[in-house]
Each structure stands twice: as structure tokens, then as C-alpha cells.
Amino acid sequence: MAKERIGLGKLGSKLLSNLSAEKKEVFTIKDAEAASKIKGIRLWKLLHSLTKNKWIKKIERGKYLILPLESGLHAG
């Protein structure tokens, strides 16, 4: 059974909104730092949580893909 997406939270929502406003479907850690104003372990934990909850997908070291809402339960 596929894992259901859960809430984004304030930081996750801000990050994804800012990246979307910049038309970035694929983003790097540096992009995420600039979009969220978060660095280090705090940013890593946010990215890890977004990956675990199927909002983003890690495509290679330091590079992520924002999963579209249409992917729903079948994400990642």
C-alpha cells in the first residue's frame, strides 16, 4: 500500500511555494537555502521530511525534484 502524503508544515510550504514561484521543478540544496533562508542540519531535516512524505524526490546527491500534486498516492 502506498504511503499517503501528509501535511507540509509552514517551512515546507514556504520552500515549495518559493521554488515554484521561481519555476524550479528540479532544485539543488543551494536553491533550497536561498528559497527558505535555512541552512545546515535544519535544512537537511526539512528536505528529508519532504522526501519521506513524498513531496519531493531525491534524484541525485544534492538535487531534488518537486513531485506534482497529480502524483498523489503513487508518488516516488
C-alpha atoms as a PDB file:
ATOM      1  CA  MET A   1       0.000   0.000   0.000  1.00  0.00           C
ATOM      2  CA  ALA A   2       1.402   3.418  -0.961  1.00  0.00           C
ATOM      3  CA  LYS A   3       2.213   5.884   1.759  1.00  0.00           C
ATOM      4  CA  GLU A   4      -0.174   8.816   1.876  1.00  0.00           C
ATOM      5  CA  ARG A   5       1.197  12.354   1.753  1.00  0.00           C
ATOM      6  CA  ILE A   6       0.898  14.249   4.988  1.00  0.00           C
ATOM      7  CA  GLY A   7       0.932  17.985   5.657  1.00  0.00           C
ATOM      8  CA  LEU A   8       3.737  20.191   4.524  1.00  0.00           C
ATOM      9  CA  GLY A   9       4.092  22.399   7.555  1.00  0.00           C
ATOM     10  CA  LYS A  10       4.987  26.072   7.461  1.00  0.00           C
ATOM     11  CA  LEU A  11       8.647  25.682   6.402  1.00  0.00           C
ATOM     12  CA  GLY A  12       7.943  23.053   3.759  1.00  0.00           C
ATOM     13  CA  SER A  13       5.113  25.099   2.327  1.00  0.00           C
ATOM     14  CA  LYS A  14       7.291  28.228   2.179  1.00  0.00           C
ATOM     15  CA  LEU A  15      10.129  26.349   0.495  1.00  0.00           C
ATOM     16  CA  LEU A  16       7.975  24.679  -2.165  1.00  0.00           C
ATOM     17  CA  SER A  17       5.983  27.871  -2.810  1.00  0.00           C
ATOM     18  CA  ASN A  18       9.151  29.906  -3.290  1.00  0.00           C
ATOM     19  CA  LEU A  19      10.725  27.292  -5.585  1.00  0.00           C
ATOM     20  CA  SER A  20       7.505  27.032  -7.604  1.00  0.00           C
ATOM     21  CA  ALA A  21       7.361  30.820  -7.957  1.00  0.00           C
ATOM     22  CA  GLU A  22      10.871  30.609  -9.452  1.00  0.00           C
ATOM     23  CA  LYS A  23       9.619  27.879 -11.872  1.00  0.00           C
ATOM     24  CA  LYS A  24      12.031  25.320 -10.396  1.00  0.00           C
ATOM     25  CA  GLU A  25      10.796  21.744 -10.652  1.00  0.00           C
ATOM     26  CA  VAL A  26      14.327  20.455 -10.065  1.00  0.00           C
ATOM     27  CA  PHE A  27      16.358  22.225  -7.411  1.00  0.00           C
ATOM     28  CA  THR A  28      19.670  21.997  -5.580  1.00  0.00           C
ATOM     29  CA  ILE A  29      20.491  22.422  -1.913  1.00  0.00           C
ATOM     30  CA  LYS A  30      21.765  25.932  -2.731  1.00  0.00           C
ATOM     31  CA  ASP A  31      18.409  26.720  -4.360  1.00  0.00           C
ATOM     32  CA  ALA A  32      16.640  25.440  -1.233  1.00  0.00           C
ATOM     33  CA  GLU A  33      18.867  27.560   1.030  1.00  0.00           C
ATOM     34  CA  ALA A  34      18.081  30.677  -0.992  1.00  0.00           C
ATOM     35  CA  ALA A  35      14.344  29.934  -1.137  1.00  0.00           C
ATOM     36  CA  SER A  36      13.950  29.076   2.553  1.00  0.00           C
ATOM     37  CA  LYS A  37      16.704  31.085   4.283  1.00  0.00           C
ATOM     38  CA  ILE A  38      17.556  27.860   6.165  1.00  0.00           C
ATOM     39  CA  LYS A  39      20.966  26.151   6.213  1.00  0.00           C
ATOM     40  CA  GLY A  40      22.755  23.164   7.637  1.00  0.00           C
ATOM     41  CA  ILE A  41      21.103  20.395   9.630  1.00  0.00           C
ATOM     42  CA  ARG A  42      17.790  22.245   9.812  1.00  0.00           C
ATOM     43  CA  LEU A  43      17.571  22.343   6.001  1.00  0.00           C
ATOM     44  CA  TRP A  44      18.678  18.704   5.754  1.00  0.00           C
ATOM     45  CA  LYS A  45      15.898  17.676   8.166  1.00  0.00           C
ATOM     46  CA  LEU A  46      13.329  19.650   6.155  1.00  0.00           C
ATOM     47  CA  LEU A  47      14.430  18.058   2.861  1.00  0.00           C
ATOM     48  CA  HIS A  48      14.475  14.615   4.482  1.00  0.00           C
ATOM     49  CA  SER A  49      10.939  15.118   5.793  1.00  0.00           C
ATOM     50  CA  LEU A  50       9.671  16.356   2.414  1.00  0.00           C
ATOM     51  CA  THR A  51      11.277  13.339   0.726  1.00  0.00           C
ATOM     52  CA  LYS A  52       9.869  10.876   3.273  1.00  0.00           C
ATOM     53  CA  ASN A  53       6.381  12.364   2.897  1.00  0.00           C
ATOM     54  CA  LYS A  54       6.515  12.244  -0.918  1.00  0.00           C
ATOM     55  CA  TRP A  55       6.538  15.989  -1.635  1.00  0.00           C
ATOM     56  CA  ILE A  56       9.973  15.843  -3.270  1.00  0.00           C
ATOM     57  CA  LYS A  57      12.190  13.085  -4.648  1.00  0.00           C
ATOM     58  CA  LYS A  58      15.981  12.948  -4.394  1.00  0.00           C
ATOM     59  CA  ILE A  59      17.291  12.417  -7.927  1.00  0.00           C
ATOM     60  CA  GLU A  60      20.996  12.581  -7.093  1.00  0.00           C
ATOM     61  CA  ARG A  61      23.201  13.879  -4.324  1.00  0.00           C
ATOM     62  CA  GLY A  62      22.160  17.457  -3.602  1.00  0.00           C
ATOM     63  CA  LYS A  63      19.455  17.561  -6.303  1.00  0.00           C
ATOM     64  CA  TYR A  64      15.713  17.126  -5.831  1.00  0.00           C
ATOM     65  CA  LEU A  65      12.538  17.019  -7.914  1.00  0.00           C
ATOM     66  CA  ILE A  66       9.274  18.572  -6.707  1.00  0.00           C
ATOM     67  CA  LEU A  67       6.612  15.887  -7.153  1.00  0.00           C
ATOM     68  CA  PRO A  68       3.442  17.220  -8.779  1.00  0.00           C
ATOM     69  CA  LEU A  69       0.200  17.124  -6.807  1.00  0.00           C
ATOM     70  CA  GLU A  70      -1.249  14.900  -9.533  1.00  0.00           C
ATOM     71  CA  SER A  71       1.116  12.094  -8.472  1.00  0.00           C
ATOM     72  CA  GLY A  72      -0.949  11.658  -5.291  1.00  0.00           C
ATOM     73  CA  LEU A  73      -0.557   8.287  -3.586  1.00  0.00           C
ATOM     74  CA  HIS A  74       1.574   6.888  -6.394  1.00  0.00           C
ATOM     75  CA  ALA A  75       4.446   9.350  -5.836  1.00  0.00           C
ATOM     76  CA  GLY A  76       8.022   8.329  -5.716  1.00  0.00           C
END
